[in-house]
Amino acid sequence: MKQEWIKYYVYLENLRRSGRTNMWLAGEFLEKAFKLNKFAACEILSNWMKFYNEIEKFIEEKKLVEPRKD
């Protein structure tokens, strides 16, 4: 998990919870939302997937997203 990418992780988690897209396609959302190139968006998304459990726990503990309701 890269601390400097927290804002992207929060965005991705909110996107996942919204159900707006299959997360395999979320790189395109990152590109548009943050004006990233395809490579950077893919790297961030890959990192989010690889460290998902750690990231989810961190952003929930820091109250960066709404608590899960399930």
PDB file of N, CA and C in Angstrom:
ATOM      1  N   MET A   1       0.842  -1.178   0.000  1.00  0.00           N
ATOM      2  CA  MET A   1       0.000   0.000   0.000  1.00  0.00           C
ATOM      3  C   MET A   1       0.885   1.238   0.000  1.00  0.00           C
ATOM      4  N   LYS A   2       0.599   2.155  -0.885  1.00  0.00           N
ATOM      5  CA  LYS A   2       1.371   3.393  -0.968  1.00  0.00           C
ATOM      6  C   LYS A   2       0.563   4.532  -0.339  1.00  0.00           C
ATOM      7  N   GLN A   3       1.117   5.119   0.692  1.00  0.00           N
ATOM      8  CA  GLN A   3       0.435   6.192   1.419  1.00  0.00           C
ATOM      9  C   GLN A   3       0.081   7.373   0.508  1.00  0.00           C
ATOM     10  N   GLU A   4       0.941   7.656  -0.452  1.00  0.00           N
ATOM     11  CA  GLU A   4       0.693   8.809  -1.330  1.00  0.00           C
ATOM     12  C   GLU A   4      -0.489   8.580  -2.286  1.00  0.00           C
ATOM     13  N   TRP A   5      -0.998   7.373  -2.328  1.00  0.00           N
ATOM     14  CA  TRP A   5      -2.128   7.044  -3.201  1.00  0.00           C
ATOM     15  C   TRP A   5      -3.447   6.906  -2.441  1.00  0.00           C
ATOM     16  N   ILE A   6      -3.486   7.320  -1.204  1.00  0.00           N
ATOM     17  CA  ILE A   6      -4.695   7.159  -0.390  1.00  0.00           C
ATOM     18  C   ILE A   6      -5.916   7.770  -1.068  1.00  0.00           C
ATOM     19  N   LYS A   7      -5.773   8.946  -1.652  1.00  0.00           N
ATOM     20  CA  LYS A   7      -6.939   9.585  -2.289  1.00  0.00           C
ATOM     21  C   LYS A   7      -7.488   8.727  -3.422  1.00  0.00           C
ATOM     22  N   TYR A   8      -6.611   8.033  -4.130  1.00  0.00           N
ATOM     23  CA  TYR A   8      -7.060   7.143  -5.203  1.00  0.00           C
ATOM     24  C   TYR A   8      -7.754   5.911  -4.626  1.00  0.00           C
ATOM     25  N   TYR A   9      -7.197   5.371  -3.542  1.00  0.00           N
ATOM     26  CA  TYR A   9      -7.797   4.203  -2.903  1.00  0.00           C
ATOM     27  C   TYR A   9      -9.201   4.526  -2.380  1.00  0.00           C
ATOM     28  N   VAL A  10      -9.346   5.694  -1.787  1.00  0.00           N
ATOM     29  CA  VAL A  10     -10.660   6.109  -1.283  1.00  0.00           C
ATOM     30  C   VAL A  10     -11.635   6.235  -2.454  1.00  0.00           C
ATOM     31  N   TYR A  11     -11.193   6.846  -3.522  1.00  0.00           N
ATOM     32  CA  TYR A  11     -12.032   6.970  -4.720  1.00  0.00           C
ATOM     33  C   TYR A  11     -12.451   5.589  -5.223  1.00  0.00           C
ATOM     34  N   LEU A  12     -11.487   4.667  -5.316  1.00  0.00           N
ATOM     35  CA  LEU A  12     -11.785   3.320  -5.802  1.00  0.00           C
ATOM     36  C   LEU A  12     -12.746   2.582  -4.878  1.00  0.00           C
ATOM     37  N   GLU A  13     -12.562   2.731  -3.593  1.00  0.00           N
ATOM     38  CA  GLU A  13     -13.473   2.059  -2.653  1.00  0.00           C
ATOM     39  C   GLU A  13     -14.883   2.626  -2.769  1.00  0.00           C
ATOM     40  N   ASN A  14     -14.996   3.926  -2.885  1.00  0.00           N
ATOM     41  CA  ASN A  14     -16.318   4.524  -3.073  1.00  0.00           C
ATOM     42  C   ASN A  14     -16.941   4.075  -4.390  1.00  0.00           C
ATOM     43  N   LEU A  15     -16.134   3.968  -5.423  1.00  0.00           N
ATOM     44  CA  LEU A  15     -16.611   3.480  -6.717  1.00  0.00           C
ATOM     45  C   LEU A  15     -17.086   2.036  -6.597  1.00  0.00           C
ATOM     46  N   ARG A  16     -16.309   1.201  -5.926  1.00  0.00           N
ATOM     47  CA  ARG A  16     -16.688  -0.195  -5.736  1.00  0.00           C
ATOM     48  C   ARG A  16     -18.017  -0.299  -5.006  1.00  0.00           C
ATOM     49  N   ARG A  17     -18.151   0.460  -3.936  1.00  0.00           N
ATOM     50  CA  ARG A  17     -19.379   0.402  -3.135  1.00  0.00           C
ATOM     51  C   ARG A  17     -20.593   0.946  -3.888  1.00  0.00           C
ATOM     52  N   SER A  18     -20.362   1.829  -4.840  1.00  0.00           N
ATOM     53  CA  SER A  18     -21.469   2.391  -5.612  1.00  0.00           C
ATOM     54  C   SER A  18     -22.032   1.391  -6.619  1.00  0.00           C
ATOM     55  N   GLY A  19     -21.213   0.420  -7.023  1.00  0.00           N
ATOM     56  CA  GLY A  19     -21.652  -0.556  -8.005  1.00  0.00           C
ATOM     57  C   GLY A  19     -21.723  -0.012  -9.424  1.00  0.00           C
ATOM     58  N   ARG A  20     -21.134   1.131  -9.683  1.00  0.00           N
ATOM     59  CA  ARG A  20     -21.210   1.771 -10.999  1.00  0.00           C
ATOM     60  C   ARG A  20     -20.453   1.022 -12.079  1.00  0.00           C
ATOM     61  N   THR A  21     -19.456   0.218 -11.701  1.00  0.00           N
ATOM     62  CA  THR A  21     -18.659  -0.474 -12.707  1.00  0.00           C
ATOM     63  C   THR A  21     -18.048  -1.737 -12.133  1.00  0.00           C
ATOM     64  N   ASN A  22     -17.696  -2.626 -13.010  1.00  0.00           N
ATOM     65  CA  ASN A  22     -16.871  -3.770 -12.649  1.00  0.00           C
ATOM     66  C   ASN A  22     -15.488  -3.193 -12.337  1.00  0.00           C
ATOM     67  N   MET A  23     -14.896  -3.572 -11.236  1.00  0.00           N
ATOM     68  CA  MET A  23     -13.646  -2.940 -10.824  1.00  0.00           C
ATOM     69  C   MET A  23     -12.480  -3.217 -11.765  1.00  0.00           C
ATOM     70  N   TRP A  24     -12.585  -4.214 -12.604  1.00  0.00           N
ATOM     71  CA  TRP A  24     -11.535  -4.441 -13.599  1.00  0.00           C
ATOM     72  C   TRP A  24     -11.495  -3.292 -14.605  1.00  0.00           C
ATOM     73  N   LEU A  25     -12.573  -2.540 -14.705  1.00  0.00           N
ATOM     74  CA  LEU A  25     -12.649  -1.405 -15.627  1.00  0.00           C
ATOM     75  C   LEU A  25     -12.456  -0.062 -14.921  1.00  0.00           C
ATOM     76  N   ALA A  26     -12.163  -0.091 -13.653  1.00  0.00           N
ATOM     77  CA  ALA A  26     -12.073   1.134 -12.856  1.00  0.00           C
ATOM     78  C   ALA A  26     -10.911   2.027 -13.249  1.00  0.00           C
ATOM     79  N   GLY A  27      -9.927   1.497 -13.939  1.00  0.00           N
ATOM     80  CA  GLY A  27      -8.797   2.319 -14.385  1.00  0.00           C
ATOM     81  C   GLY A  27      -9.253   3.490 -15.239  1.00  0.00           C
ATOM     82  N   GLU A  28     -10.260   3.249 -16.080  1.00  0.00           N
ATOM     83  CA  GLU A  28     -10.787   4.318 -16.932  1.00  0.00           C
ATOM     84  C   GLU A  28     -11.406   5.431 -16.088  1.00  0.00           C
ATOM     85  N   PHE A  29     -12.062   5.056 -14.998  1.00  0.00           N
ATOM     86  CA  PHE A  29     -12.645   6.051 -14.094  1.00  0.00           C
ATOM     87  C   PHE A  29     -11.538   6.868 -13.429  1.00  0.00           C
ATOM     88  N   LEU A  30     -10.457   6.189 -13.013  1.00  0.00           N
ATOM     89  CA  LEU A  30      -9.321   6.900 -12.410  1.00  0.00           C
ATOM     90  C   LEU A  30      -8.709   7.883 -13.397  1.00  0.00           C
ATOM     91  N   GLU A  31      -8.535   7.437 -14.630  1.00  0.00           N
ATOM     92  CA  GLU A  31      -7.951   8.307 -15.656  1.00  0.00           C
ATOM     93  C   GLU A  31      -8.744   9.602 -15.786  1.00  0.00           C
ATOM     94  N   LYS A  32     -10.050   9.469 -15.885  1.00  0.00           N
ATOM     95  CA  LYS A  32     -10.907  10.642 -16.087  1.00  0.00           C
ATOM     96  C   LYS A  32     -11.007  11.509 -14.832  1.00  0.00           C
ATOM     97  N   ALA A  33     -11.184  10.875 -13.681  1.00  0.00           N
ATOM     98  CA  ALA A  33     -11.392  11.624 -12.444  1.00  0.00           C
ATOM     99  C   ALA A  33     -10.155  12.407 -12.005  1.00  0.00           C
ATOM    100  N   PHE A  34      -8.973  11.832 -12.264  1.00  0.00           N
ATOM    101  CA  PHE A  34      -7.740  12.457 -11.780  1.00  0.00           C
ATOM    102  C   PHE A  34      -6.802  12.894 -12.903  1.00  0.00           C
ATOM    103  N   LYS A  35      -7.283  12.779 -14.149  1.00  0.00           N
ATOM    104  CA  LYS A  35      -6.473  13.161 -15.316  1.00  0.00           C
ATOM    105  C   LYS A  35      -5.128  12.423 -15.320  1.00  0.00           C
ATOM    106  N   LEU A  36      -5.203  11.112 -15.114  1.00  0.00           N
ATOM    107  CA  LEU A  36      -4.019  10.254 -15.109  1.00  0.00           C
ATOM    108  C   LEU A  36      -3.843   9.619 -16.483  1.00  0.00           C
ATOM    109  N   ASN A  37      -2.618   9.216 -16.784  1.00  0.00           N
ATOM    110  CA  ASN A  37      -2.435   8.442 -18.007  1.00  0.00           C
ATOM    111  C   ASN A  37      -2.795   6.983 -17.721  1.00  0.00           C
ATOM    112  N   LYS A  38      -2.959   6.218 -18.766  1.00  0.00           N
ATOM    113  CA  LYS A  38      -3.414   4.828 -18.640  1.00  0.00           C
ATOM    114  C   LYS A  38      -2.469   4.000 -17.764  1.00  0.00           C
ATOM    115  N   PHE A  39      -1.158   4.192 -17.925  1.00  0.00           N
ATOM    116  CA  PHE A  39      -0.181   3.430 -17.155  1.00  0.00           C
ATOM    117  C   PHE A  39      -0.321   3.705 -15.657  1.00  0.00           C
ATOM    118  N   ALA A  40      -0.414   4.987 -15.287  1.00  0.00           N
ATOM    119  CA  ALA A  40      -0.529   5.346 -13.864  1.00  0.00           C
ATOM    120  C   ALA A  40      -1.817   4.793 -13.272  1.00  0.00           C
ATOM    121  N   ALA A  41      -2.922   4.925 -13.998  1.00  0.00           N
ATOM    122  CA  ALA A  41      -4.211   4.420 -13.508  1.00  0.00           C
ATOM    123  C   ALA A  41      -4.161   2.909 -13.313  1.00  0.00           C
ATOM    124  N   CYS A  42      -3.538   2.214 -14.245  1.00  0.00           N
ATOM    125  CA  CYS A  42      -3.418   0.753 -14.148  1.00  0.00           C
ATOM    126  C   CYS A  42      -2.558   0.358 -12.953  1.00  0.00           C
ATOM    127  N   GLU A  43      -1.478   1.084 -12.728  1.00  0.00           N
ATOM    128  CA  GLU A  43      -0.592   0.801 -11.595  1.00  0.00           C
ATOM    129  C   GLU A  43      -1.317   1.007 -10.259  1.00  0.00           C
ATOM    130  N   ILE A  44      -2.070   2.082 -10.153  1.00  0.00           N
ATOM    131  CA  ILE A  44      -2.820   2.376  -8.924  1.00  0.00           C
ATOM    132  C   ILE A  44      -3.890   1.320  -8.689  1.00  0.00           C
ATOM    133  N   LEU A  45      -4.647   0.993  -9.726  1.00  0.00           N
ATOM    134  CA  LEU A  45      -5.700  -0.012  -9.605  1.00  0.00           C
ATOM    135  C   LEU A  45      -5.118  -1.371  -9.224  1.00  0.00           C
ATOM    136  N   SER A  46      -4.029  -1.748  -9.841  1.00  0.00           N
ATOM    137  CA  SER A  46      -3.375  -3.020  -9.531  1.00  0.00           C
ATOM    138  C   SER A  46      -2.930  -3.061  -8.072  1.00  0.00           C
ATOM    139  N   ASN A  47      -2.375  -1.967  -7.597  1.00  0.00           N
ATOM    140  CA  ASN A  47      -1.929  -1.881  -6.207  1.00  0.00           C
ATOM    141  C   ASN A  47      -3.119  -1.958  -5.262  1.00  0.00           C
ATOM    142  N   TRP A  48      -4.212  -1.285  -5.604  1.00  0.00           N
ATOM    143  CA  TRP A  48      -5.433  -1.328  -4.793  1.00  0.00           C
ATOM    144  C   TRP A  48      -5.948  -2.762  -4.688  1.00  0.00           C
ATOM    145  N   MET A  49      -5.940  -3.478  -5.799  1.00  0.00           N
ATOM    146  CA  MET A  49      -6.410  -4.867  -5.783  1.00  0.00           C
ATOM    147  C   MET A  49      -5.469  -5.765  -4.966  1.00  0.00           C
ATOM    148  N   LYS A  50      -4.194  -5.575  -5.144  1.00  0.00           N
ATOM    149  CA  LYS A  50      -3.204  -6.414  -4.451  1.00  0.00           C
ATOM    150  C   LYS A  50      -3.276  -6.248  -2.933  1.00  0.00           C
ATOM    151  N   PHE A  51      -3.474  -5.037  -2.470  1.00  0.00           N
ATOM    152  CA  PHE A  51      -3.467  -4.742  -1.042  1.00  0.00           C
ATOM    153  C   PHE A  51      -4.855  -4.381  -0.517  1.00  0.00           C
ATOM    154  N   TYR A  52      -5.897  -4.866  -1.192  1.00  0.00           N
ATOM    155  CA  TYR A  52      -7.257  -4.440  -0.888  1.00  0.00           C
ATOM    156  C   TYR A  52      -7.612  -4.572   0.597  1.00  0.00           C
ATOM    157  N   ASN A  53      -7.376  -5.707   1.209  1.00  0.00           N
ATOM    158  CA  ASN A  53      -7.768  -5.899   2.618  1.00  0.00           C
ATOM    159  C   ASN A  53      -7.101  -4.881   3.534  1.00  0.00           C
ATOM    160  N   GLU A  54      -5.821  -4.659   3.327  1.00  0.00           N
ATOM    161  CA  GLU A  54      -5.075  -3.692   4.132  1.00  0.00           C
ATOM    162  C   GLU A  54      -5.593  -2.271   3.890  1.00  0.00           C
ATOM    163  N   ILE A  55      -5.851  -1.942   2.641  1.00  0.00           N
ATOM    164  CA  ILE A  55      -6.337  -0.611   2.283  1.00  0.00           C
ATOM    165  C   ILE A  55      -7.727  -0.369   2.865  1.00  0.00           C
ATOM    166  N   GLU A  56      -8.615  -1.326   2.703  1.00  0.00           N
ATOM    167  CA  GLU A  56      -9.977  -1.172   3.217  1.00  0.00           C
ATOM    168  C   GLU A  56      -9.955  -0.940   4.725  1.00  0.00           C
ATOM    169  N   LYS A  57      -9.185  -1.727   5.430  1.00  0.00           N
ATOM    170  CA  LYS A  57      -9.087  -1.579   6.889  1.00  0.00           C
ATOM    171  C   LYS A  57      -8.557  -0.187   7.247  1.00  0.00           C
ATOM    172  N   PHE A  58      -7.515   0.259   6.570  1.00  0.00           N
ATOM    173  CA  PHE A  58      -6.909   1.555   6.843  1.00  0.00           C
ATOM    174  C   PHE A  58      -7.898   2.697   6.619  1.00  0.00           C
ATOM    175  N   ILE A  59      -8.562   2.699   5.465  1.00  0.00           N
ATOM    176  CA  ILE A  59      -9.442   3.832   5.170  1.00  0.00           C
ATOM    177  C   ILE A  59     -10.704   3.822   6.033  1.00  0.00           C
ATOM    178  N   GLU A  60     -11.130   2.650   6.471  1.00  0.00           N
ATOM    179  CA  GLU A  60     -12.266   2.603   7.400  1.00  0.00           C
ATOM    180  C   GLU A  60     -11.851   3.077   8.789  1.00  0.00           C
ATOM    181  N   GLU A  61     -10.676   2.662   9.248  1.00  0.00           N
ATOM    182  CA  GLU A  61     -10.198   3.096  10.564  1.00  0.00           C
ATOM    183  C   GLU A  61     -10.007   4.611  10.614  1.00  0.00           C
ATOM    184  N   LYS A  62      -9.552   5.182   9.509  1.00  0.00           N
ATOM    185  CA  LYS A  62      -9.325   6.636   9.439  1.00  0.00           C
ATOM    186  C   LYS A  62     -10.601   7.397   9.088  1.00  0.00           C
ATOM    187  N   LYS A  63     -11.703   6.640   8.922  1.00  0.00           N
ATOM    188  CA  LYS A  63     -13.005   7.223   8.590  1.00  0.00           C
ATOM    189  C   LYS A  63     -12.972   8.037   7.301  1.00  0.00           C
ATOM    190  N   LEU A  64     -12.276   7.493   6.306  1.00  0.00           N
ATOM    191  CA  LEU A  64     -12.183   8.138   4.997  1.00  0.00           C
ATOM    192  C   LEU A  64     -13.325   7.715   4.085  1.00  0.00           C
ATOM    193  N   VAL A  65     -14.054   6.664   4.494  1.00  0.00           N
ATOM    194  CA  VAL A  65     -15.248   6.203   3.793  1.00  0.00           C
ATOM    195  C   VAL A  65     -16.304   5.891   4.846  1.00  0.00           C
ATOM    196  N   GLU A  66     -17.539   5.825   4.384  1.00  0.00           N
ATOM    197  CA  GLU A  66     -18.623   5.439   5.298  1.00  0.00           C
ATOM    198  C   GLU A  66     -18.424   3.990   5.724  1.00  0.00           C
ATOM    199  N   PRO A  67     -18.742   3.650   6.960  1.00  0.00           N
ATOM    200  CA  PRO A  67     -18.615   2.256   7.407  1.00  0.00           C
ATOM    201  C   PRO A  67     -19.481   1.327   6.551  1.00  0.00           C
ATOM    202  N   ARG A  68     -19.019   0.108   6.371  1.00  0.00           N
ATOM    203  CA  ARG A  68     -19.788  -0.881   5.608  1.00  0.00           C
ATOM    204  C   ARG A  68     -21.074  -1.189   6.336  1.00  0.00           C
ATOM    205  N   LYS A  69     -22.122  -1.444   5.569  1.00  0.00           N
ATOM    206  CA  LYS A  69     -23.431  -1.720   6.170  1.00  0.00           C
ATOM    207  C   LYS A  69     -23.814  -3.172   6.080  1.00  0.00           C
ATOM    208  N   ASP A  70     -22.939  -4.018   5.569  1.00  0.00           N
ATOM    209  CA  ASP A  70     -23.291  -5.440   5.435  1.00  0.00           C
ATOM    210  C   ASP A  70     -22.766  -6.285   6.547  1.00  0.00           C
TER     211      ASP A  70
END
